[in-house]
Amino acid sequence: MQTSVHFFRNKIIFLAVFISWCAWLQVFQDSFIYWQDSLLQEFWRLWTAHWVHVSWPHYVLNMLAFICLPFIFPRASVWNFVGLLLSLPVLISLSFYFFLPDIEAYAGLSGVLHGAYAAVACVHLLYKKERGFATLVLFLIFAKLVWENTMGSAGTAQLIGSPVLVEAHLLGVIWGVVLANIYIIANYWLDL
């Protein structure tokens, strides 16, 4: 009982710190978004572009989605989420830079969110009790990607006041699955 209370408290503190950090960055948004022209000179943008948002409604939507993640997948630790929040932004930003040079500017956590949900769900496929739910989450992510790439996301764009960059969602999922597999393989070899 004591360890579950400690675990829950750590997640609440982690979420409060991350949400506050993103809100502070939001105030100085222009200094932190992804600008392709200055990305490699202002390297912090590799991360911060994904921690700021195009508007406050965009911020609120992404924070609500992020708040749910640690609680719907309770086996994942705070350190798992810290690892994802540090690695996914860089991987997505560098993918924009090298493979999608037409993307000049970007802001938002949604690519990282898609990647984090995919990564954590992939790892939870290993646990018999969570396998069904993890499969459902992965199916919903896949369905959302198909929907966005065929039907569009005009409603979301109107709500946040900016076009939705669905490429960020796809890249997030790809990198999330890659990171999940690295995590699974590394844990397998460490357990030997």
N, C-alpha and C. Protein backbone atom coordinates (compact mmCIF):
# COMPACT_ATOMS: atom_id res chain seq x y z
N MET A 1 0.82 -1.19 0.00
CA MET A 1 0.00 0.00 0.00
C MET A 1 0.86 1.25 0.00
N GLN A 2 1.90 1.26 0.82
CA GLN A 2 2.78 2.42 0.93
C GLN A 2 3.47 2.71 -0.41
N THR A 3 3.91 1.67 -1.11
CA THR A 3 4.60 1.90 -2.38
C THR A 3 3.65 2.43 -3.44
N SER A 4 2.38 2.00 -3.46
CA SER A 4 1.45 2.53 -4.45
C SER A 4 1.13 4.00 -4.18
N VAL A 5 1.04 4.40 -2.92
CA VAL A 5 0.83 5.81 -2.57
C VAL A 5 2.04 6.63 -3.01
N HIS A 6 3.23 6.11 -2.74
CA HIS A 6 4.47 6.79 -3.14
C HIS A 6 4.54 6.92 -4.67
N PHE A 7 4.19 5.85 -5.37
CA PHE A 7 4.20 5.83 -6.83
C PHE A 7 3.20 6.85 -7.38
N PHE A 8 2.00 6.90 -6.81
CA PHE A 8 0.96 7.83 -7.22
C PHE A 8 1.42 9.27 -6.97
N ARG A 9 1.98 9.52 -5.80
CA ARG A 9 2.46 10.86 -5.45
C ARG A 9 3.55 11.32 -6.42
N ASN A 10 4.47 10.41 -6.77
CA ASN A 10 5.53 10.77 -7.71
C ASN A 10 4.97 11.15 -9.08
N LYS A 11 3.95 10.45 -9.51
CA LYS A 11 3.33 10.78 -10.80
C LYS A 11 2.65 12.15 -10.75
N ILE A 12 1.98 12.44 -9.66
CA ILE A 12 1.31 13.74 -9.51
C ILE A 12 2.34 14.86 -9.52
N ILE A 13 3.44 14.69 -8.79
CA ILE A 13 4.50 15.70 -8.75
C ILE A 13 5.11 15.87 -10.14
N PHE A 14 5.41 14.76 -10.80
CA PHE A 14 5.97 14.80 -12.16
C PHE A 14 5.04 15.57 -13.10
N LEU A 15 3.74 15.24 -13.07
CA LEU A 15 2.79 15.92 -13.95
C LEU A 15 2.71 17.41 -13.64
N ALA A 16 2.69 17.76 -12.37
CA ALA A 16 2.62 19.18 -11.98
C ALA A 16 3.85 19.94 -12.48
N VAL A 17 5.02 19.34 -12.34
CA VAL A 17 6.26 20.00 -12.79
C VAL A 17 6.25 20.15 -14.30
N PHE A 18 5.90 19.10 -15.03
CA PHE A 18 5.92 19.16 -16.49
C PHE A 18 4.88 20.16 -17.01
N ILE A 19 3.68 20.14 -16.47
CA ILE A 19 2.63 21.06 -16.91
C ILE A 19 3.03 22.50 -16.62
N SER A 20 3.62 22.75 -15.47
CA SER A 20 4.09 24.10 -15.12
C SER A 20 5.21 24.54 -16.05
N TRP A 21 6.14 23.64 -16.32
CA TRP A 21 7.26 23.93 -17.23
C TRP A 21 6.73 24.32 -18.61
N CYS A 22 5.79 23.55 -19.14
CA CYS A 22 5.22 23.83 -20.46
C CYS A 22 4.46 25.16 -20.46
N ALA A 23 3.76 25.47 -19.37
CA ALA A 23 3.05 26.75 -19.27
C ALA A 23 4.04 27.91 -19.27
N TRP A 24 5.15 27.76 -18.55
CA TRP A 24 6.17 28.82 -18.52
C TRP A 24 6.75 29.03 -19.92
N LEU A 25 7.05 27.92 -20.62
CA LEU A 25 7.58 28.03 -21.98
C LEU A 25 6.56 28.71 -22.90
N GLN A 26 5.29 28.43 -22.68
CA GLN A 26 4.23 28.99 -23.51
C GLN A 26 4.22 30.52 -23.48
N VAL A 27 4.58 31.08 -22.35
CA VAL A 27 4.61 32.53 -22.21
C VAL A 27 5.65 33.14 -23.16
N PHE A 28 6.74 32.42 -23.39
CA PHE A 28 7.83 32.89 -24.26
C PHE A 28 7.90 32.04 -25.53
N GLN A 29 6.75 31.71 -26.06
CA GLN A 29 6.60 30.76 -27.15
C GLN A 29 7.57 30.97 -28.32
N ASP A 30 7.72 32.20 -28.79
CA ASP A 30 8.55 32.45 -29.97
C ASP A 30 10.00 32.03 -29.79
N SER A 31 10.47 32.02 -28.57
CA SER A 31 11.86 31.63 -28.31
C SER A 31 12.06 30.12 -28.28
N PHE A 32 10.97 29.36 -28.33
CA PHE A 32 11.09 27.92 -28.12
C PHE A 32 10.50 27.04 -29.22
N ILE A 33 9.75 27.60 -30.16
CA ILE A 33 9.15 26.76 -31.20
C ILE A 33 10.21 26.26 -32.18
N TYR A 34 9.83 25.29 -32.98
CA TYR A 34 10.70 24.75 -34.02
C TYR A 34 10.77 25.75 -35.16
N TRP A 35 11.96 26.28 -35.40
CA TRP A 35 12.23 27.08 -36.60
C TRP A 35 13.33 26.36 -37.35
N GLN A 36 13.02 25.87 -38.51
CA GLN A 36 13.98 25.09 -39.27
C GLN A 36 15.29 25.85 -39.51
N ASP A 37 15.18 27.13 -39.84
CA ASP A 37 16.38 27.91 -40.17
C ASP A 37 17.36 28.04 -39.02
N SER A 38 16.87 28.04 -37.79
CA SER A 38 17.76 28.24 -36.65
C SER A 38 17.86 27.03 -35.73
N LEU A 39 17.33 25.90 -36.18
CA LEU A 39 17.23 24.74 -35.30
C LEU A 39 18.59 24.26 -34.77
N LEU A 40 19.56 24.12 -35.64
CA LEU A 40 20.84 23.57 -35.19
C LEU A 40 21.70 24.60 -34.47
N GLN A 41 21.45 25.88 -34.68
CA GLN A 41 22.17 26.91 -33.92
C GLN A 41 21.53 27.10 -32.54
N GLU A 42 20.23 26.97 -32.47
CA GLU A 42 19.50 27.10 -31.20
C GLU A 42 18.97 25.72 -30.84
N PHE A 43 19.89 24.85 -30.43
CA PHE A 43 19.63 23.43 -30.26
C PHE A 43 18.51 23.10 -29.28
N TRP A 44 18.24 24.00 -28.31
CA TRP A 44 17.18 23.74 -27.33
C TRP A 44 15.83 23.55 -28.00
N ARG A 45 15.67 24.11 -29.20
CA ARG A 45 14.41 23.99 -29.92
C ARG A 45 14.10 22.55 -30.32
N LEU A 46 15.13 21.71 -30.37
CA LEU A 46 14.90 20.29 -30.64
C LEU A 46 13.91 19.71 -29.64
N TRP A 47 13.98 20.17 -28.39
CA TRP A 47 13.08 19.70 -27.33
C TRP A 47 11.89 20.64 -27.16
N THR A 48 12.20 21.92 -26.98
CA THR A 48 11.16 22.86 -26.55
C THR A 48 10.05 23.05 -27.57
N ALA A 49 10.33 22.81 -28.84
CA ALA A 49 9.28 22.94 -29.86
C ALA A 49 8.09 22.04 -29.56
N HIS A 50 8.35 20.97 -28.86
CA HIS A 50 7.29 20.00 -28.54
C HIS A 50 6.67 20.28 -27.18
N TRP A 51 7.25 21.19 -26.45
CA TRP A 51 6.73 21.52 -25.11
C TRP A 51 5.97 22.84 -25.11
N VAL A 52 5.98 23.56 -26.24
CA VAL A 52 5.16 24.77 -26.39
C VAL A 52 4.05 24.47 -27.38
N HIS A 53 3.08 25.34 -27.45
CA HIS A 53 1.90 25.10 -28.28
C HIS A 53 1.52 26.36 -29.05
N VAL A 54 0.74 26.18 -30.10
CA VAL A 54 0.36 27.32 -30.94
C VAL A 54 -0.65 28.23 -30.25
N SER A 55 -1.34 27.72 -29.25
CA SER A 55 -2.33 28.52 -28.52
C SER A 55 -2.56 27.89 -27.15
N TRP A 56 -3.23 28.65 -26.29
CA TRP A 56 -3.56 28.10 -24.97
C TRP A 56 -4.56 26.96 -25.05
N PRO A 57 -5.58 27.02 -25.93
CA PRO A 57 -6.45 25.84 -26.06
C PRO A 57 -5.68 24.59 -26.51
N HIS A 58 -4.70 24.78 -27.40
CA HIS A 58 -3.85 23.67 -27.84
C HIS A 58 -3.07 23.10 -26.65
N TYR A 59 -2.53 23.99 -25.83
CA TYR A 59 -1.81 23.59 -24.62
C TYR A 59 -2.70 22.76 -23.70
N VAL A 60 -3.91 23.26 -23.44
CA VAL A 60 -4.83 22.59 -22.52
C VAL A 60 -5.19 21.19 -23.05
N LEU A 61 -5.51 21.08 -24.32
CA LEU A 61 -5.86 19.77 -24.90
C LEU A 61 -4.72 18.76 -24.75
N ASN A 62 -3.51 19.20 -25.08
CA ASN A 62 -2.37 18.28 -24.99
C ASN A 62 -2.04 17.92 -23.55
N MET A 63 -2.16 18.87 -22.65
CA MET A 63 -1.88 18.56 -21.24
C MET A 63 -2.91 17.58 -20.69
N LEU A 64 -4.17 17.73 -21.07
CA LEU A 64 -5.19 16.78 -20.63
C LEU A 64 -4.89 15.37 -21.14
N ALA A 65 -4.48 15.27 -22.39
CA ALA A 65 -4.12 13.96 -22.95
C ALA A 65 -2.90 13.39 -22.24
N PHE A 66 -1.95 14.25 -21.90
CA PHE A 66 -0.75 13.77 -21.23
C PHE A 66 -1.04 13.33 -19.80
N ILE A 67 -1.90 14.05 -19.11
CA ILE A 67 -2.25 13.71 -17.72
C ILE A 67 -2.82 12.29 -17.63
N CYS A 68 -3.57 11.88 -18.63
CA CYS A 68 -4.20 10.55 -18.61
C CYS A 68 -3.18 9.41 -18.72
N LEU A 69 -2.12 9.63 -19.48
CA LEU A 69 -1.18 8.56 -19.81
C LEU A 69 -0.61 7.80 -18.61
N PRO A 70 -0.07 8.47 -17.61
CA PRO A 70 0.52 7.71 -16.49
C PRO A 70 -0.49 6.90 -15.69
N PHE A 71 -1.76 7.26 -15.78
CA PHE A 71 -2.76 6.56 -14.98
C PHE A 71 -3.46 5.44 -15.74
N ILE A 72 -3.51 5.53 -17.07
CA ILE A 72 -4.12 4.42 -17.80
C ILE A 72 -3.10 3.30 -18.04
N PHE A 73 -1.82 3.63 -17.89
CA PHE A 73 -0.76 2.62 -17.95
C PHE A 73 0.06 2.71 -16.66
N PRO A 74 -0.48 2.18 -15.56
CA PRO A 74 0.16 2.39 -14.25
C PRO A 74 1.50 1.69 -14.07
N ARG A 75 1.83 0.71 -14.89
CA ARG A 75 3.14 0.04 -14.74
C ARG A 75 4.30 0.94 -15.16
N ALA A 76 4.02 1.90 -16.02
CA ALA A 76 5.08 2.79 -16.50
C ALA A 76 5.49 3.74 -15.38
N SER A 77 6.78 3.91 -15.21
CA SER A 77 7.29 4.76 -14.13
C SER A 77 7.49 6.19 -14.62
N VAL A 78 7.69 7.08 -13.67
CA VAL A 78 8.01 8.46 -14.00
C VAL A 78 9.24 8.52 -14.89
N TRP A 79 10.23 7.67 -14.61
CA TRP A 79 11.46 7.68 -15.40
C TRP A 79 11.21 7.23 -16.83
N ASN A 80 10.24 6.34 -17.04
CA ASN A 80 9.87 5.97 -18.41
C ASN A 80 9.36 7.20 -19.16
N PHE A 81 8.51 7.98 -18.49
CA PHE A 81 7.95 9.17 -19.13
C PHE A 81 9.00 10.25 -19.34
N VAL A 82 9.90 10.41 -18.40
CA VAL A 82 10.99 11.37 -18.57
C VAL A 82 11.83 10.98 -19.79
N GLY A 83 12.14 9.70 -19.90
CA GLY A 83 12.91 9.22 -21.06
C GLY A 83 12.20 9.52 -22.37
N LEU A 84 10.90 9.29 -22.41
CA LEU A 84 10.13 9.56 -23.63
C LEU A 84 10.07 11.06 -23.92
N LEU A 85 9.91 11.88 -22.89
CA LEU A 85 9.82 13.33 -23.08
C LEU A 85 11.16 13.95 -23.49
N LEU A 86 12.24 13.25 -23.23
CA LEU A 86 13.55 13.75 -23.64
C LEU A 86 13.99 13.19 -25.00
N SER A 87 13.60 11.97 -25.32
CA SER A 87 14.06 11.36 -26.58
C SER A 87 13.13 11.62 -27.76
N LEU A 88 11.82 11.51 -27.57
CA LEU A 88 10.90 11.69 -28.69
C LEU A 88 10.98 13.08 -29.34
N PRO A 89 11.06 14.18 -28.58
CA PRO A 89 11.15 15.48 -29.24
C PRO A 89 12.35 15.61 -30.17
N VAL A 90 13.50 15.13 -29.72
CA VAL A 90 14.70 15.23 -30.55
C VAL A 90 14.55 14.39 -31.82
N LEU A 91 14.04 13.17 -31.67
CA LEU A 91 13.88 12.29 -32.82
C LEU A 91 12.88 12.88 -33.84
N ILE A 92 11.79 13.43 -33.35
CA ILE A 92 10.80 14.03 -34.25
C ILE A 92 11.36 15.29 -34.91
N SER A 93 12.01 16.15 -34.13
CA SER A 93 12.58 17.38 -34.68
C SER A 93 13.63 17.08 -35.75
N LEU A 94 14.52 16.13 -35.48
CA LEU A 94 15.54 15.78 -36.47
C LEU A 94 14.92 15.13 -37.70
N SER A 95 13.84 14.39 -37.50
CA SER A 95 13.13 13.81 -38.65
C SER A 95 12.53 14.92 -39.51
N PHE A 96 11.94 15.94 -38.88
CA PHE A 96 11.45 17.09 -39.64
C PHE A 96 12.60 17.71 -40.44
N TYR A 97 13.69 17.96 -39.74
CA TYR A 97 14.81 18.69 -40.32
C TYR A 97 15.41 17.95 -41.52
N PHE A 98 15.64 16.65 -41.38
CA PHE A 98 16.34 15.91 -42.43
C PHE A 98 15.41 15.28 -43.48
N PHE A 99 14.20 14.91 -43.09
CA PHE A 99 13.34 14.18 -44.01
C PHE A 99 12.13 14.98 -44.51
N LEU A 100 11.76 16.03 -43.79
CA LEU A 100 10.61 16.86 -44.18
C LEU A 100 11.01 18.34 -44.16
N PRO A 101 11.93 18.73 -45.06
CA PRO A 101 12.45 20.10 -45.02
C PRO A 101 11.42 21.18 -45.32
N ASP A 102 10.25 20.80 -45.84
CA ASP A 102 9.20 21.79 -46.10
C ASP A 102 8.57 22.30 -44.81
N ILE A 103 8.77 21.59 -43.71
CA ILE A 103 8.23 22.04 -42.42
C ILE A 103 9.17 23.10 -41.86
N GLU A 104 8.71 24.33 -41.89
CA GLU A 104 9.54 25.45 -41.44
C GLU A 104 9.35 25.77 -39.97
N ALA A 105 8.11 25.54 -39.47
CA ALA A 105 7.82 25.87 -38.07
C ALA A 105 6.88 24.81 -37.50
N TYR A 106 7.02 24.59 -36.20
CA TYR A 106 6.18 23.61 -35.51
C TYR A 106 6.16 23.91 -34.02
N ALA A 107 5.02 23.65 -33.42
CA ALA A 107 4.90 23.73 -31.96
C ALA A 107 3.81 22.77 -31.53
N GLY A 108 4.05 22.03 -30.46
CA GLY A 108 3.02 21.16 -29.91
C GLY A 108 3.54 19.82 -29.43
N LEU A 109 2.83 19.29 -28.46
CA LEU A 109 3.20 18.02 -27.84
C LEU A 109 2.56 16.81 -28.53
N SER A 110 1.69 17.04 -29.49
CA SER A 110 0.88 15.93 -30.01
C SER A 110 1.71 14.83 -30.67
N GLY A 111 2.77 15.16 -31.36
CA GLY A 111 3.62 14.11 -31.93
C GLY A 111 4.25 13.26 -30.84
N VAL A 112 4.73 13.93 -29.80
CA VAL A 112 5.31 13.22 -28.65
C VAL A 112 4.23 12.40 -27.94
N LEU A 113 3.04 12.96 -27.80
CA LEU A 113 1.94 12.21 -27.18
C LEU A 113 1.63 10.93 -27.94
N HIS A 114 1.52 11.05 -29.25
CA HIS A 114 1.26 9.85 -30.05
C HIS A 114 2.37 8.82 -29.86
N GLY A 115 3.60 9.29 -29.85
CA GLY A 115 4.74 8.39 -29.65
C GLY A 115 4.76 7.77 -28.27
N ALA A 116 4.46 8.57 -27.25
CA ALA A 116 4.46 8.06 -25.88
C ALA A 116 3.36 7.03 -25.67
N TYR A 117 2.17 7.32 -26.16
CA TYR A 117 1.08 6.35 -26.05
C TYR A 117 1.44 5.05 -26.77
N ALA A 118 2.00 5.17 -27.98
CA ALA A 118 2.37 3.98 -28.74
C ALA A 118 3.47 3.19 -28.03
N ALA A 119 4.48 3.89 -27.51
CA ALA A 119 5.59 3.21 -26.84
C ALA A 119 5.12 2.47 -25.60
N VAL A 120 4.36 3.15 -24.77
CA VAL A 120 3.92 2.54 -23.52
C VAL A 120 2.96 1.39 -23.80
N ALA A 121 2.08 1.56 -24.79
CA ALA A 121 1.16 0.47 -25.15
C ALA A 121 1.94 -0.74 -25.68
N CYS A 122 2.96 -0.51 -26.49
CA CYS A 122 3.77 -1.63 -27.01
C CYS A 122 4.42 -2.42 -25.88
N VAL A 123 4.97 -1.71 -24.91
CA VAL A 123 5.61 -2.39 -23.78
C VAL A 123 4.56 -3.15 -22.97
N HIS A 124 3.37 -2.59 -22.84
CA HIS A 124 2.32 -3.26 -22.06
C HIS A 124 1.74 -4.49 -22.75
N LEU A 125 2.06 -4.67 -24.02
CA LEU A 125 1.66 -5.92 -24.69
C LEU A 125 2.34 -7.13 -24.05
N LEU A 126 3.43 -6.90 -23.35
CA LEU A 126 4.16 -7.99 -22.69
C LEU A 126 3.45 -8.52 -21.45
N TYR A 127 2.54 -7.73 -20.90
CA TYR A 127 1.85 -8.11 -19.67
C TYR A 127 0.47 -8.67 -20.00
N LYS A 128 0.24 -9.89 -19.61
CA LYS A 128 -0.99 -10.59 -19.98
C LYS A 128 -2.24 -9.81 -19.58
N LYS A 129 -2.27 -9.27 -18.37
CA LYS A 129 -3.45 -8.56 -17.89
C LYS A 129 -3.71 -7.26 -18.67
N GLU A 130 -2.67 -6.61 -19.16
CA GLU A 130 -2.82 -5.34 -19.86
C GLU A 130 -2.85 -5.49 -21.38
N ARG A 131 -2.63 -6.68 -21.89
CA ARG A 131 -2.49 -6.90 -23.33
C ARG A 131 -3.72 -6.44 -24.12
N GLY A 132 -4.91 -6.75 -23.64
CA GLY A 132 -6.12 -6.35 -24.35
C GLY A 132 -6.27 -4.85 -24.45
N PHE A 133 -6.05 -4.16 -23.34
CA PHE A 133 -6.16 -2.70 -23.34
C PHE A 133 -5.07 -2.07 -24.20
N ALA A 134 -3.85 -2.59 -24.10
CA ALA A 134 -2.75 -2.06 -24.91
C ALA A 134 -3.04 -2.25 -26.40
N THR A 135 -3.60 -3.37 -26.76
CA THR A 135 -3.97 -3.63 -28.16
C THR A 135 -5.03 -2.64 -28.61
N LEU A 136 -6.02 -2.38 -27.76
CA LEU A 136 -7.05 -1.41 -28.09
C LEU A 136 -6.45 -0.02 -28.31
N VAL A 137 -5.55 0.40 -27.43
CA VAL A 137 -4.92 1.71 -27.57
C VAL A 137 -4.14 1.79 -28.88
N LEU A 138 -3.38 0.76 -29.21
CA LEU A 138 -2.63 0.75 -30.47
C LEU A 138 -3.57 0.79 -31.68
N PHE A 139 -4.67 0.05 -31.61
CA PHE A 139 -5.65 0.08 -32.69
C PHE A 139 -6.23 1.48 -32.86
N LEU A 140 -6.58 2.14 -31.75
CA LEU A 140 -7.14 3.49 -31.81
C LEU A 140 -6.14 4.49 -32.37
N ILE A 141 -4.88 4.34 -32.00
CA ILE A 141 -3.84 5.22 -32.55
C ILE A 141 -3.74 5.02 -34.06
N PHE A 142 -3.72 3.75 -34.49
CA PHE A 142 -3.65 3.44 -35.92
C PHE A 142 -4.86 4.01 -36.64
N ALA A 143 -6.06 3.82 -36.08
CA ALA A 143 -7.28 4.33 -36.70
C ALA A 143 -7.24 5.86 -36.80
N LYS A 144 -6.73 6.51 -35.76
CA LYS A 144 -6.62 7.98 -35.77
C LYS A 144 -5.66 8.44 -36.86
N LEU A 145 -4.53 7.74 -37.00
CA LEU A 145 -3.58 8.11 -38.06
C LEU A 145 -4.21 7.94 -39.44
N VAL A 146 -4.93 6.85 -39.64
CA VAL A 146 -5.59 6.63 -40.94
C VAL A 146 -6.62 7.73 -41.18
N TRP A 147 -7.41 8.04 -40.17
CA TRP A 147 -8.43 9.08 -40.29
C TRP A 147 -7.79 10.43 -40.66
N GLU A 148 -6.76 10.81 -39.92
CA GLU A 148 -6.11 12.10 -40.16
C GLU A 148 -5.51 12.19 -41.55
N ASN A 149 -4.96 11.08 -42.02
CA ASN A 149 -4.29 11.11 -43.32
C ASN A 149 -5.23 10.92 -44.49
N THR A 150 -6.48 10.56 -44.23
CA THR A 150 -7.45 10.42 -45.31
C THR A 150 -8.56 11.46 -45.23
N MET A 151 -9.10 11.67 -44.04
CA MET A 151 -10.23 12.57 -43.86
C MET A 151 -9.81 13.97 -43.40
N GLY A 152 -8.61 14.07 -42.82
CA GLY A 152 -8.14 15.36 -42.33
C GLY A 152 -8.50 15.57 -40.87
N SER A 153 -8.14 16.75 -40.38
CA SER A 153 -8.41 17.08 -38.97
C SER A 153 -8.83 18.53 -38.85
N ALA A 154 -9.80 18.92 -39.67
CA ALA A 154 -10.25 20.31 -39.72
C ALA A 154 -10.84 20.77 -38.39
N GLY A 155 -11.57 19.90 -37.70
CA GLY A 155 -12.17 20.29 -36.42
C GLY A 155 -11.13 20.62 -35.38
N THR A 156 -10.09 19.80 -35.31
CA THR A 156 -9.02 20.06 -34.36
C THR A 156 -8.28 21.34 -34.73
N ALA A 157 -8.04 21.53 -36.02
CA ALA A 157 -7.35 22.74 -36.48
C ALA A 157 -8.14 23.99 -36.10
N GLN A 158 -9.44 23.93 -36.24
CA GLN A 158 -10.27 25.08 -35.87
C GLN A 158 -10.21 25.34 -34.37
N LEU A 159 -10.21 24.26 -33.59
CA LEU A 159 -10.19 24.39 -32.13
C LEU A 159 -8.89 25.01 -31.63
N ILE A 160 -7.75 24.58 -32.19
CA ILE A 160 -6.46 25.08 -31.71
C ILE A 160 -6.00 26.35 -32.43
N GLY A 161 -6.68 26.70 -33.53
CA GLY A 161 -6.33 27.92 -34.24
C GLY A 161 -5.13 27.78 -35.15
N SER A 162 -4.85 26.57 -35.60
CA SER A 162 -3.69 26.33 -36.46
C SER A 162 -3.87 24.99 -37.17
N PRO A 163 -3.28 24.85 -38.35
CA PRO A 163 -3.35 23.54 -39.02
C PRO A 163 -2.67 22.46 -38.17
N VAL A 164 -3.17 21.24 -38.27
CA VAL A 164 -2.59 20.11 -37.55
C VAL A 164 -1.55 19.46 -38.44
N LEU A 165 -0.35 19.29 -37.91
CA LEU A 165 0.72 18.66 -38.65
C LEU A 165 0.68 17.16 -38.38
N VAL A 166 -0.08 16.44 -39.21
CA VAL A 166 -0.27 15.01 -38.98
C VAL A 166 1.03 14.22 -39.14
N GLU A 167 1.99 14.79 -39.84
CA GLU A 167 3.29 14.13 -39.96
C GLU A 167 3.95 13.97 -38.60
N ALA A 168 3.72 14.92 -37.70
CA ALA A 168 4.28 14.81 -36.35
C ALA A 168 3.68 13.62 -35.62
N HIS A 169 2.40 13.38 -35.81
CA HIS A 169 1.74 12.24 -35.16
C HIS A 169 2.31 10.93 -35.69
N LEU A 170 2.46 10.85 -37.00
CA LEU A 170 3.00 9.63 -37.61
C LEU A 170 4.45 9.39 -37.17
N LEU A 171 5.26 10.43 -37.21
CA LEU A 171 6.65 10.29 -36.75
C LEU A 171 6.71 9.91 -35.28
N GLY A 172 5.85 10.50 -34.48
CA GLY A 172 5.81 10.16 -33.06
C GLY A 172 5.53 8.68 -32.86
N VAL A 173 4.55 8.15 -33.58
CA VAL A 173 4.22 6.73 -33.45
C VAL A 173 5.38 5.85 -33.92
N ILE A 174 5.97 6.20 -35.04
CA ILE A 174 7.10 5.41 -35.55
C ILE A 174 8.22 5.38 -34.52
N TRP A 175 8.62 6.54 -34.02
CA TRP A 175 9.71 6.60 -33.05
C TRP A 175 9.31 5.98 -31.71
N GLY A 176 8.05 6.10 -31.34
CA GLY A 176 7.57 5.46 -30.11
C GLY A 176 7.70 3.95 -30.18
N VAL A 177 7.34 3.38 -31.32
CA VAL A 177 7.46 1.92 -31.50
C VAL A 177 8.94 1.51 -31.50
N VAL A 178 9.78 2.30 -32.15
CA VAL A 178 11.22 2.01 -32.16
C VAL A 178 11.77 2.04 -30.73
N LEU A 179 11.44 3.08 -29.97
CA LEU A 179 11.93 3.18 -28.59
C LEU A 179 11.40 2.06 -27.71
N ALA A 180 10.15 1.68 -27.92
CA ALA A 180 9.58 0.56 -27.15
C ALA A 180 10.35 -0.72 -27.43
N ASN A 181 10.68 -0.96 -28.69
CA ASN A 181 11.44 -2.16 -29.03
C ASN A 181 12.85 -2.12 -28.45
N ILE A 182 13.48 -0.97 -28.48
CA ILE A 182 14.81 -0.84 -27.86
C ILE A 182 14.71 -1.13 -26.36
N TYR A 183 13.70 -0.60 -25.72
CA TYR A 183 13.48 -0.82 -24.29
C TYR A 183 13.26 -2.31 -24.00
N ILE A 184 12.42 -2.95 -24.79
CA ILE A 184 12.12 -4.37 -24.59
C ILE A 184 13.37 -5.22 -24.79
N ILE A 185 14.11 -4.95 -25.85
CA ILE A 185 15.33 -5.73 -26.13
C ILE A 185 16.38 -5.49 -25.05
N ALA A 186 16.56 -4.23 -24.63
CA ALA A 186 17.54 -3.93 -23.59
C ALA A 186 17.17 -4.62 -22.28
N ASN A 187 15.90 -4.61 -21.90
CA ASN A 187 15.48 -5.31 -20.68
C ASN A 187 15.67 -6.81 -20.79
N TYR A 188 15.45 -7.34 -21.97
CA TYR A 188 15.65 -8.78 -22.18
C TYR A 188 17.11 -9.14 -21.95
N TRP A 189 18.03 -8.36 -22.53
CA TRP A 189 19.46 -8.66 -22.38
C TRP A 189 19.96 -8.39 -20.97
N LEU A 190 19.39 -7.41 -20.30
CA LEU A 190 19.80 -7.13 -18.92
C LEU A 190 19.32 -8.22 -17.96
N ASP A 191 18.22 -8.89 -18.30
CA ASP A 191 17.69 -9.95 -17.46
C ASP A 191 18.42 -11.27 -17.65
N LEU A 192 19.21 -11.38 -18.69
CA LEU A 192 19.92 -12.65 -18.94
C LEU A 192 21.02 -12.89 -17.91
